[in-house]
Amino acid sequence: MALRPKRKTGGGSQSFVERGTKGVKTLLVDSKRKRTQAFTFGCIAAVLTVVWMLQGYFTQKTYQDRFFPAIHGHYVTEISTTQPLIFPAIENAPMLKELNLRNLHTLRIDVEGNKKFVLKESDKPATEKELKEMTDKYEIVKHNYLDHGKLVYRKGSDSPEVVVVTLVDFDNYEVETLLHVVQNRVDYAQRHRYGVYTRWAQEFIPTINNQDLKESYEFLKPLMIRAAMHAFPRAKYFWFLDQDALIMRMDRSLQTQLLDQKILDLALLKNVPVVKDSNIKTYNHFVTERAEVIIPQTNEGRLDSSSFIFKSGIYSKALLDYLGDPLVRGYSWSSFSDSIAHALQWHPSFLAKTALVVPKTIASVYDPTKSTTEKAGIDDFHYIKGDFVASFEGCKARDSCAQDVELFYPLVQK
């Protein structure tokens, strides 16, 4: 009978257990080492991130500051001023008219012979030394004209809440009329500690395609308001008032006249067509606190673009950018008011931020065929003595704009 080798009891199983235990211990040690390494690298990454963020905070440089050019208006180099009353030298109007756009701006002619005035964004303002060395008075006037568009108000937090904005035209108005229009705004702004932003309409001609001022004047308004917002970045309200209008009551602030929420709610036109015969109506439950655009509606059912208010906000700026877009501006609108009406009817977000009000608030229209005495018949549209604003809308058709300004300027109630 064959003999079998004697087995070692438990030897094989003991070796397997030992190997398994050793493997588990090794795995645990490796996992702990990996966790420690991951934690260490995570802490290092977190510390580096915090250091990078603190470095950007203390050096006052954001991502945009480092990788994008500084915010600027039409010109890269701007002139900071602590004077909230920004208006051009009106006395230069006759000389500017003599110079005309051909001598004020750069004219370019393309290969097809098309002529267009262009804006030189890199144009730097003339220094005081350079102005003193100039002997040609027309050259001085030209530099003053170009440098006026570079003015921006920068005075910390001490900024006016309201800025009165006006475009003036040196081609179609005499100096005396222009002086009365600008002085009217300045007197009112000084009375209530507002700002004034007045510029020549001709300054914006190089920024548009249709460079016929007569045809494009109305469509310069959104560009003008946007420029005013850049010049007064801390202001809250921007009131555009056409050059064919006068503020008749110096004692009334814009807040007490319209901006106060209770007064605005009374002047609000609710559940009415945006324009005559439109199926789109203003909201019946409009929240006045959210209004970023305030515009009167005339008795003919159209929007009055001679006097309106924009509040600095996301929606108001978006609407201005929309109206100022070359594609929108270049469409064959019958008027600038129609382009605004189109935006309100097709974009509910804009309509929800727009308050339509009665013209009596900021745009009472002067009608020479009606009496303006206080005893005259009162309506919500036409001017009578004691109204806040006298708008001479329609004066161009009557060829009486200058005469209307001269007639009403002495009647302004100080």
Protein backbone atom coordinates (compact mmCIF):
# COMPACT_ATOMS: atom_id res chain seq x y z
CA MET A 1 0.00 0.00 0.00
CA ALA A 2 1.37 3.36 -1.09
CA LEU A 3 2.16 5.90 1.46
CA ARG A 4 0.80 9.47 1.07
CA PRO A 5 2.73 12.51 2.25
CA LYS A 6 1.48 13.99 5.42
CA ARG A 7 -0.32 17.37 4.97
CA LYS A 8 0.50 20.35 7.10
CA THR A 9 -2.70 21.18 8.83
CA GLY A 10 -3.89 24.80 8.23
CA GLY A 11 -0.69 25.80 6.42
CA GLY A 12 -2.24 26.63 3.04
CA SER A 13 -5.28 28.40 4.42
CA GLN A 14 -3.14 30.40 6.84
CA SER A 15 -0.96 31.64 3.96
CA PHE A 16 -4.03 32.74 1.99
CA VAL A 17 -5.44 34.67 4.97
CA GLU A 18 -2.16 36.36 5.56
CA ARG A 19 -1.87 37.40 1.94
CA GLY A 20 -5.45 38.73 1.96
CA THR A 21 -4.92 40.68 5.17
CA LYS A 22 -1.70 42.12 3.84
CA GLY A 23 -3.41 43.17 0.60
CA VAL A 24 -6.23 44.91 2.46
CA LYS A 25 -3.75 46.74 4.67
CA THR A 26 -1.78 47.85 1.61
CA LEU A 27 -4.97 49.01 -0.12
CA LEU A 28 -6.03 50.99 2.93
CA VAL A 29 -2.61 52.58 3.24
CA ASP A 30 -2.59 53.49 -0.47
CA SER A 31 -6.13 54.94 -0.27
CA LYS A 32 -5.21 57.00 2.76
CA ARG A 33 -2.09 58.24 0.98
CA LYS A 34 -4.13 59.17 -2.09
CA ARG A 35 -6.73 60.96 0.03
CA THR A 36 -3.97 62.85 1.78
CA GLN A 37 -2.42 63.82 -1.53
CA ALA A 38 -5.79 64.89 -2.97
CA PHE A 39 -6.53 66.96 0.12
CA THR A 40 -3.10 68.59 -0.04
CA PHE A 41 -3.41 69.47 -3.72
CA GLY A 42 -6.96 70.76 -3.15
CA CYS A 43 -5.78 73.02 -0.34
CA ILE A 44 -2.96 74.36 -2.51
CA ALA A 45 -5.38 75.06 -5.39
CA ALA A 46 -7.83 76.78 -3.03
CA VAL A 47 -5.08 78.96 -1.54
CA LEU A 48 -3.82 79.94 -5.00
CA THR A 49 -7.37 80.80 -6.11
CA VAL A 50 -7.95 82.97 -3.05
CA VAL A 51 -4.60 84.73 -3.57
CA TRP A 52 -5.47 85.39 -7.24
CA MET A 53 -8.90 86.80 -6.31
CA LEU A 54 -7.47 88.98 -3.53
CA GLN A 55 -4.79 90.24 -5.87
CA GLY A 56 -7.44 91.34 -8.36
CA TYR A 57 -9.47 92.94 -5.57
CA PHE A 58 -6.61 94.92 -4.06
CA THR A 59 -5.24 96.08 -7.39
CA GLN A 60 -8.73 97.20 -8.45
CA LYS A 61 -8.46 95.30 -11.70
CA THR A 62 -11.25 93.04 -12.84
CA TYR A 63 -11.19 90.57 -15.68
CA GLN A 64 -12.73 93.14 -18.00
CA ASP A 65 -10.18 95.78 -17.00
CA ARG A 66 -7.37 93.44 -17.95
CA PHE A 67 -8.65 91.99 -21.18
CA PHE A 68 -10.98 94.67 -22.59
CA PRO A 69 -10.46 98.37 -23.39
CA ALA A 70 -11.81 100.96 -20.98
CA ILE A 71 -15.43 102.03 -21.41
CA HIS A 72 -15.71 105.21 -23.45
CA GLY A 73 -18.18 107.17 -25.55
CA HIS A 74 -17.71 108.11 -29.19
CA TYR A 75 -14.16 109.22 -28.41
CA VAL A 76 -11.48 107.10 -26.74
CA THR A 77 -9.95 110.08 -24.92
CA GLU A 78 -12.45 112.00 -22.80
CA ILE A 79 -12.44 115.19 -20.74
CA SER A 80 -13.60 114.89 -17.14
CA THR A 81 -15.50 117.83 -15.69
CA THR A 82 -16.99 118.59 -12.29
CA GLN A 83 -19.50 120.98 -13.84
CA PRO A 84 -22.95 119.31 -14.20
CA LEU A 85 -24.09 121.89 -16.76
CA ILE A 86 -22.66 120.63 -20.05
CA PHE A 87 -23.60 122.74 -23.08
CA PRO A 88 -21.73 124.06 -26.13
CA ALA A 89 -20.59 127.61 -26.80
CA ILE A 90 -23.79 128.85 -28.45
CA GLU A 91 -22.11 132.09 -29.57
CA ASN A 92 -20.05 130.00 -32.03
CA ALA A 93 -23.15 128.98 -34.01
CA PRO A 94 -22.65 131.49 -36.89
CA MET A 95 -19.03 130.41 -37.40
CA LEU A 96 -19.97 126.73 -37.23
CA LYS A 97 -22.57 127.39 -39.89
CA GLU A 98 -19.89 128.96 -42.06
CA LEU A 99 -17.52 126.06 -41.53
CA ASN A 100 -20.29 123.48 -42.22
CA LEU A 101 -19.82 119.74 -41.85
CA ARG A 102 -17.29 119.56 -44.70
CA ASN A 103 -14.76 121.47 -42.60
CA LEU A 104 -15.81 120.12 -39.19
CA HIS A 105 -15.61 116.39 -39.90
CA THR A 106 -13.57 114.06 -42.07
CA LEU A 107 -15.18 113.23 -45.43
CA ARG A 108 -14.40 109.88 -47.00
CA ILE A 109 -15.17 108.80 -50.55
CA ASP A 110 -15.26 105.09 -51.35
CA VAL A 111 -14.32 103.42 -54.65
CA GLU A 112 -17.88 103.82 -55.90
CA GLY A 113 -17.86 107.55 -55.24
CA ASN A 114 -20.13 107.47 -52.18
CA LYS A 115 -19.38 110.27 -49.74
CA LYS A 116 -19.70 109.91 -46.00
CA PHE A 117 -18.59 111.88 -42.95
CA VAL A 118 -16.75 109.72 -40.42
CA LEU A 119 -15.93 110.11 -36.76
CA LYS A 120 -12.31 109.85 -35.68
CA GLU A 121 -12.56 107.99 -32.38
CA SER A 122 -8.87 108.45 -31.60
CA ASP A 123 -9.10 112.24 -31.88
CA LYS A 124 -7.53 113.75 -28.76
CA PRO A 125 -8.72 116.98 -27.14
CA ALA A 126 -6.63 120.08 -27.66
CA THR A 127 -4.55 121.13 -24.67
CA GLU A 128 -4.72 124.61 -23.17
CA LYS A 129 -1.26 125.30 -24.55
CA GLU A 130 -2.33 124.30 -28.06
CA LEU A 131 -5.45 126.48 -27.85
CA LYS A 132 -3.40 129.48 -26.73
CA GLU A 133 -1.01 129.02 -29.65
CA MET A 134 -3.86 128.94 -32.19
CA THR A 135 -4.32 132.18 -34.07
CA ASP A 136 -7.07 131.16 -36.49
CA LYS A 137 -10.43 131.77 -34.78
CA TYR A 138 -12.13 129.19 -37.00
CA GLU A 139 -9.62 126.56 -35.92
CA ILE A 140 -10.35 127.37 -32.26
CA VAL A 141 -14.10 127.09 -32.86
CA LYS A 142 -13.63 123.75 -34.63
CA HIS A 143 -11.61 122.33 -31.72
CA ASN A 144 -14.21 123.54 -29.21
CA TYR A 145 -16.91 121.88 -31.31
CA LEU A 146 -15.09 118.53 -31.49
CA ASP A 147 -13.93 118.54 -27.86
CA HIS A 148 -17.41 119.28 -26.52
CA GLY A 149 -18.46 115.70 -27.30
CA LYS A 150 -15.63 114.41 -25.10
CA LEU A 151 -16.95 116.00 -21.89
CA VAL A 152 -18.10 113.61 -19.16
CA TYR A 153 -19.24 114.44 -15.63
CA ARG A 154 -17.06 112.79 -13.00
CA LYS A 155 -17.49 113.93 -9.41
CA GLY A 156 -17.77 110.81 -7.27
CA SER A 157 -21.18 110.20 -5.75
CA ASP A 158 -22.25 113.85 -5.90
CA SER A 159 -24.24 113.46 -9.10
CA PRO A 160 -27.53 115.10 -10.13
CA GLU A 161 -30.53 112.80 -10.01
CA VAL A 162 -32.08 114.29 -13.15
CA VAL A 163 -30.35 115.41 -16.36
CA VAL A 164 -32.17 117.61 -18.89
CA VAL A 165 -31.10 116.57 -22.40
CA THR A 166 -31.49 118.71 -25.54
CA LEU A 167 -30.20 118.59 -29.12
CA VAL A 168 -29.67 121.98 -30.79
CA ASP A 169 -29.15 122.74 -34.47
CA PHE A 170 -26.92 125.63 -35.54
CA ASP A 171 -28.01 125.42 -39.19
CA ASN A 172 -31.69 126.27 -38.73
CA TYR A 173 -31.77 128.55 -35.68
CA GLU A 174 -30.34 131.97 -34.96
CA VAL A 175 -28.03 132.57 -32.01
CA GLU A 176 -30.65 134.43 -29.97
CA THR A 177 -33.15 131.59 -30.24
CA LEU A 178 -30.52 128.99 -29.34
CA LEU A 179 -29.39 131.08 -26.37
CA HIS A 180 -32.94 131.26 -25.04
CA VAL A 181 -33.46 127.51 -25.43
CA VAL A 182 -30.21 126.56 -23.67
CA GLN A 183 -30.56 129.25 -21.00
CA ASN A 184 -34.04 127.94 -20.26
CA ARG A 185 -32.60 124.49 -19.47
CA VAL A 186 -29.69 125.90 -17.46
CA ASP A 187 -31.93 128.13 -15.33
CA TYR A 188 -34.25 125.23 -14.56
CA ALA A 189 -31.42 122.82 -13.77
CA GLN A 190 -29.71 125.27 -11.45
CA ARG A 191 -32.98 125.86 -9.62
CA HIS A 192 -33.37 122.17 -8.78
CA ARG A 193 -29.73 121.00 -8.78
CA TYR A 194 -30.17 118.99 -11.97
CA GLY A 195 -27.68 118.36 -14.73
CA VAL A 196 -27.80 119.67 -18.30
CA TYR A 197 -26.52 117.81 -21.34
CA THR A 198 -26.84 119.79 -24.57
CA ARG A 199 -25.00 119.01 -27.79
CA TRP A 200 -25.06 120.08 -31.40
CA ALA A 201 -27.13 117.71 -33.51
CA GLN A 202 -24.42 117.93 -36.18
CA GLU A 203 -22.00 116.12 -33.84
CA PHE A 204 -23.90 112.85 -34.37
CA ILE A 205 -24.10 113.00 -38.17
CA PRO A 206 -20.88 110.97 -38.71
CA THR A 207 -22.31 108.14 -36.57
CA ILE A 208 -25.30 107.41 -38.86
CA ASN A 209 -25.79 106.29 -42.45
CA ASN A 210 -28.42 108.79 -43.57
CA GLN A 211 -26.45 111.99 -43.03
CA ASP A 212 -29.22 114.38 -44.02
CA LEU A 213 -29.89 116.15 -40.71
CA LYS A 214 -33.41 117.17 -41.69
CA GLU A 215 -34.38 113.54 -42.29
CA SER A 216 -32.39 112.01 -39.42
CA TYR A 217 -32.78 114.55 -36.61
CA GLU A 218 -35.51 112.57 -34.81
CA PHE A 219 -33.50 109.35 -34.97
CA LEU A 220 -30.54 111.00 -33.25
CA LYS A 221 -32.49 111.16 -29.99
CA PRO A 222 -31.71 107.62 -28.73
CA LEU A 223 -28.03 108.21 -29.53
CA MET A 224 -28.18 111.48 -27.60
CA ILE A 225 -29.81 109.89 -24.54
CA ARG A 226 -27.23 107.08 -24.58
CA ALA A 227 -24.43 109.65 -24.74
CA ALA A 228 -25.99 111.50 -21.79
CA MET A 229 -26.11 108.27 -19.78
CA HIS A 230 -22.42 107.78 -20.43
CA ALA A 231 -21.61 111.38 -19.50
CA PHE A 232 -23.65 111.11 -16.26
CA PRO A 233 -23.26 107.45 -15.20
CA ARG A 234 -24.69 108.03 -11.71
CA ALA A 235 -27.76 110.04 -12.74
CA LYS A 236 -31.15 108.34 -12.36
CA TYR A 237 -33.44 110.10 -14.85
CA PHE A 238 -32.79 111.61 -18.28
CA TRP A 239 -35.43 114.00 -19.57
CA PHE A 240 -35.17 114.68 -23.29
CA LEU A 241 -36.82 117.97 -24.18
CA ASP A 242 -36.80 119.06 -27.80
CA GLN A 243 -35.32 122.39 -28.86
CA ASP A 244 -38.82 123.39 -29.98
CA ALA A 245 -40.09 123.56 -26.39
CA LEU A 246 -39.67 125.65 -23.24
CA ILE A 247 -39.99 124.86 -19.54
CA MET A 248 -42.56 127.43 -18.39
CA ARG A 249 -42.66 126.71 -14.64
CA MET A 250 -39.25 127.00 -13.00
CA ASP A 251 -40.73 126.39 -9.55
CA ARG A 252 -41.83 122.81 -10.26
CA SER A 253 -39.32 120.00 -9.96
CA LEU A 254 -39.69 117.01 -12.25
CA GLN A 255 -40.32 114.85 -9.19
CA THR A 256 -43.33 116.88 -8.02
CA GLN A 257 -44.57 117.30 -11.59
CA LEU A 258 -44.48 113.65 -12.67
CA LEU A 259 -41.86 111.32 -11.18
CA ASP A 260 -43.55 110.97 -7.79
CA GLN A 261 -45.25 107.55 -7.84
CA LYS A 262 -48.66 108.87 -6.81
CA ILE A 263 -48.63 111.61 -9.45
CA LEU A 264 -47.36 109.24 -12.12
CA ASP A 265 -50.15 106.82 -11.31
CA LEU A 266 -52.72 109.60 -11.80
CA ALA A 267 -51.21 110.62 -15.15
CA LEU A 268 -50.92 107.04 -16.37
CA LEU A 269 -52.93 105.89 -19.40
CA LYS A 270 -54.03 102.35 -18.58
CA ASN A 271 -55.65 99.82 -20.90
CA VAL A 272 -55.44 102.13 -23.93
CA PRO A 273 -54.08 101.27 -27.41
CA VAL A 274 -50.35 101.96 -27.67
CA VAL A 275 -51.16 103.88 -30.84
CA LYS A 276 -54.46 104.65 -32.49
CA ASP A 277 -56.39 101.57 -33.69
CA SER A 278 -53.79 99.16 -32.29
CA ASN A 279 -54.88 95.86 -30.76
CA ILE A 280 -52.01 96.06 -28.29
CA LYS A 281 -52.98 98.00 -25.18
CA THR A 282 -51.10 99.28 -22.15
CA TYR A 283 -51.32 97.12 -19.05
CA ASN A 284 -54.29 97.71 -16.79
CA HIS A 285 -52.26 96.83 -13.70
CA PHE A 286 -49.11 98.74 -14.53
CA VAL A 287 -46.62 99.04 -11.66
CA THR A 288 -45.32 102.62 -11.66
CA GLU A 289 -42.29 101.73 -9.52
CA ARG A 290 -40.99 99.60 -12.39
CA ALA A 291 -41.36 102.27 -15.08
CA GLU A 292 -38.11 102.95 -16.94
CA VAL A 293 -39.63 104.90 -19.84
CA ILE A 294 -42.22 107.68 -19.61
CA ILE A 295 -43.65 109.06 -22.83
CA PRO A 296 -46.79 111.14 -23.54
CA GLN A 297 -49.51 110.06 -25.94
CA THR A 298 -51.08 112.79 -28.05
CA ASN A 299 -54.78 113.36 -28.62
CA GLU A 300 -54.34 111.79 -32.08
CA GLY A 301 -53.26 108.55 -30.40
CA ARG A 302 -49.56 108.63 -31.30
CA LEU A 303 -46.48 108.79 -29.11
CA ASP A 304 -44.97 112.23 -28.54
CA SER A 305 -41.20 112.07 -28.98
CA SER A 306 -40.67 115.78 -28.29
CA SER A 307 -40.54 115.24 -24.52
CA PHE A 308 -39.93 111.91 -22.78
CA ILE A 309 -38.05 110.45 -19.82
CA PHE A 310 -35.70 107.49 -19.59
CA LYS A 311 -34.68 106.03 -16.26
CA SER A 312 -31.23 104.49 -16.14
CA GLY A 313 -31.91 100.76 -16.18
CA ILE A 314 -31.41 97.55 -18.13
CA TYR A 315 -34.65 97.78 -20.11
CA SER A 316 -34.37 101.48 -20.93
CA LYS A 317 -30.81 101.03 -22.19
CA ALA A 318 -31.86 97.98 -24.18
CA LEU A 319 -34.67 99.98 -25.79
CA LEU A 320 -32.27 102.82 -26.65
CA ASP A 321 -29.82 100.36 -28.18
CA TYR A 322 -32.65 98.79 -30.16
CA LEU A 323 -33.90 102.14 -31.46
CA GLY A 324 -30.35 103.24 -32.25
CA ASP A 325 -29.45 100.07 -34.12
CA PRO A 326 -28.61 100.86 -37.78
CA LEU A 327 -31.03 98.21 -39.07
CA VAL A 328 -33.93 99.58 -37.03
CA ARG A 329 -33.01 103.21 -37.65
CA GLY A 330 -32.58 102.56 -41.37
CA TYR A 331 -36.07 101.14 -41.84
CA SER A 332 -38.52 103.38 -43.67
CA TRP A 333 -40.46 104.60 -40.62
CA SER A 334 -42.83 107.47 -41.18
CA SER A 335 -41.54 108.97 -37.92
CA PHE A 336 -39.33 108.18 -34.94
CA SER A 337 -42.48 107.79 -32.84
CA ASP A 338 -43.53 104.90 -35.06
CA SER A 339 -40.29 103.05 -34.36
CA ILE A 340 -40.91 103.41 -30.61
CA ALA A 341 -44.50 102.22 -31.02
CA HIS A 342 -43.32 99.21 -33.01
CA ALA A 343 -40.89 98.23 -30.25
CA LEU A 344 -43.58 98.52 -27.57
CA GLN A 345 -46.14 96.50 -29.51
CA TRP A 346 -43.81 93.66 -30.48
CA HIS A 347 -41.79 93.41 -27.28
CA PRO A 348 -43.93 92.99 -24.13
CA SER A 349 -40.87 93.39 -21.91
CA PHE A 350 -40.46 96.97 -23.16
CA LEU A 351 -44.18 97.69 -22.85
CA ALA A 352 -44.16 96.44 -19.25
CA LYS A 353 -41.52 99.07 -18.42
CA THR A 354 -43.10 101.95 -20.36
CA ALA A 355 -45.61 104.40 -18.89
CA LEU A 356 -47.80 106.28 -21.35
CA VAL A 357 -48.99 109.55 -19.80
CA VAL A 358 -51.18 112.50 -20.74
CA PRO A 359 -49.28 115.27 -22.58
CA LYS A 360 -50.31 117.87 -20.02
CA THR A 361 -47.59 116.57 -17.72
CA ILE A 362 -44.45 117.29 -19.76
CA ALA A 363 -45.57 118.15 -23.30
CA SER A 364 -48.51 120.56 -23.45
CA VAL A 365 -48.76 121.51 -27.13
CA TYR A 366 -49.12 125.17 -28.05
CA ASP A 367 -51.84 125.75 -30.63
CA PRO A 368 -51.87 129.33 -31.99
CA THR A 369 -55.55 128.93 -32.89
CA LYS A 370 -56.52 128.33 -29.25
CA SER A 371 -56.50 130.70 -26.28
CA THR A 372 -53.72 130.16 -23.73
CA THR A 373 -55.31 132.08 -20.85
CA GLU A 374 -56.10 130.30 -17.59
CA LYS A 375 -59.81 130.76 -18.30
CA ALA A 376 -59.54 128.92 -21.59
CA GLY A 377 -61.09 125.50 -22.01
CA ILE A 378 -58.94 122.95 -20.21
CA ASP A 379 -58.03 119.64 -21.85
CA ASP A 380 -55.24 117.12 -21.44
CA PHE A 381 -53.35 118.12 -24.57
CA HIS A 382 -53.07 121.84 -25.30
CA TYR A 383 -51.03 124.45 -23.51
CA ILE A 384 -52.60 127.10 -21.31
CA LYS A 385 -50.96 129.54 -18.94
CA GLY A 386 -49.61 127.78 -15.86
CA ASP A 387 -48.67 124.52 -17.60
CA PHE A 388 -45.26 123.02 -16.92
CA VAL A 389 -43.99 122.84 -20.51
CA ALA A 390 -44.93 124.57 -23.75
CA SER A 391 -44.20 122.32 -26.73
CA PHE A 392 -44.20 123.97 -30.15
CA GLU A 393 -44.75 120.75 -32.03
CA GLY A 394 -45.87 121.52 -35.55
CA CYS A 395 -43.97 124.82 -35.65
CA LYS A 396 -41.80 123.61 -38.53
CA ALA A 397 -44.88 123.18 -40.70
CA ARG A 398 -45.99 126.68 -39.65
CA ASP A 399 -42.42 128.00 -40.06
CA SER A 400 -42.77 129.63 -36.66
CA CYS A 401 -40.37 127.78 -34.31
CA ALA A 402 -38.11 130.77 -33.64
CA GLN A 403 -41.09 133.12 -33.30
CA ASP A 404 -42.79 130.77 -30.84
CA VAL A 405 -39.67 130.54 -28.68
CA GLU A 406 -39.26 134.31 -28.67
CA LEU A 407 -42.95 134.78 -27.85
CA PHE A 408 -42.96 132.44 -24.85
CA TYR A 409 -39.48 132.97 -23.41
CA PRO A 410 -40.42 136.24 -21.63
CA LEU A 411 -43.47 134.46 -20.18
CA VAL A 412 -41.45 131.82 -18.34
CA GLN A 413 -42.44 131.90 -14.67
CA LYS A 414 -39.30 132.13 -12.58
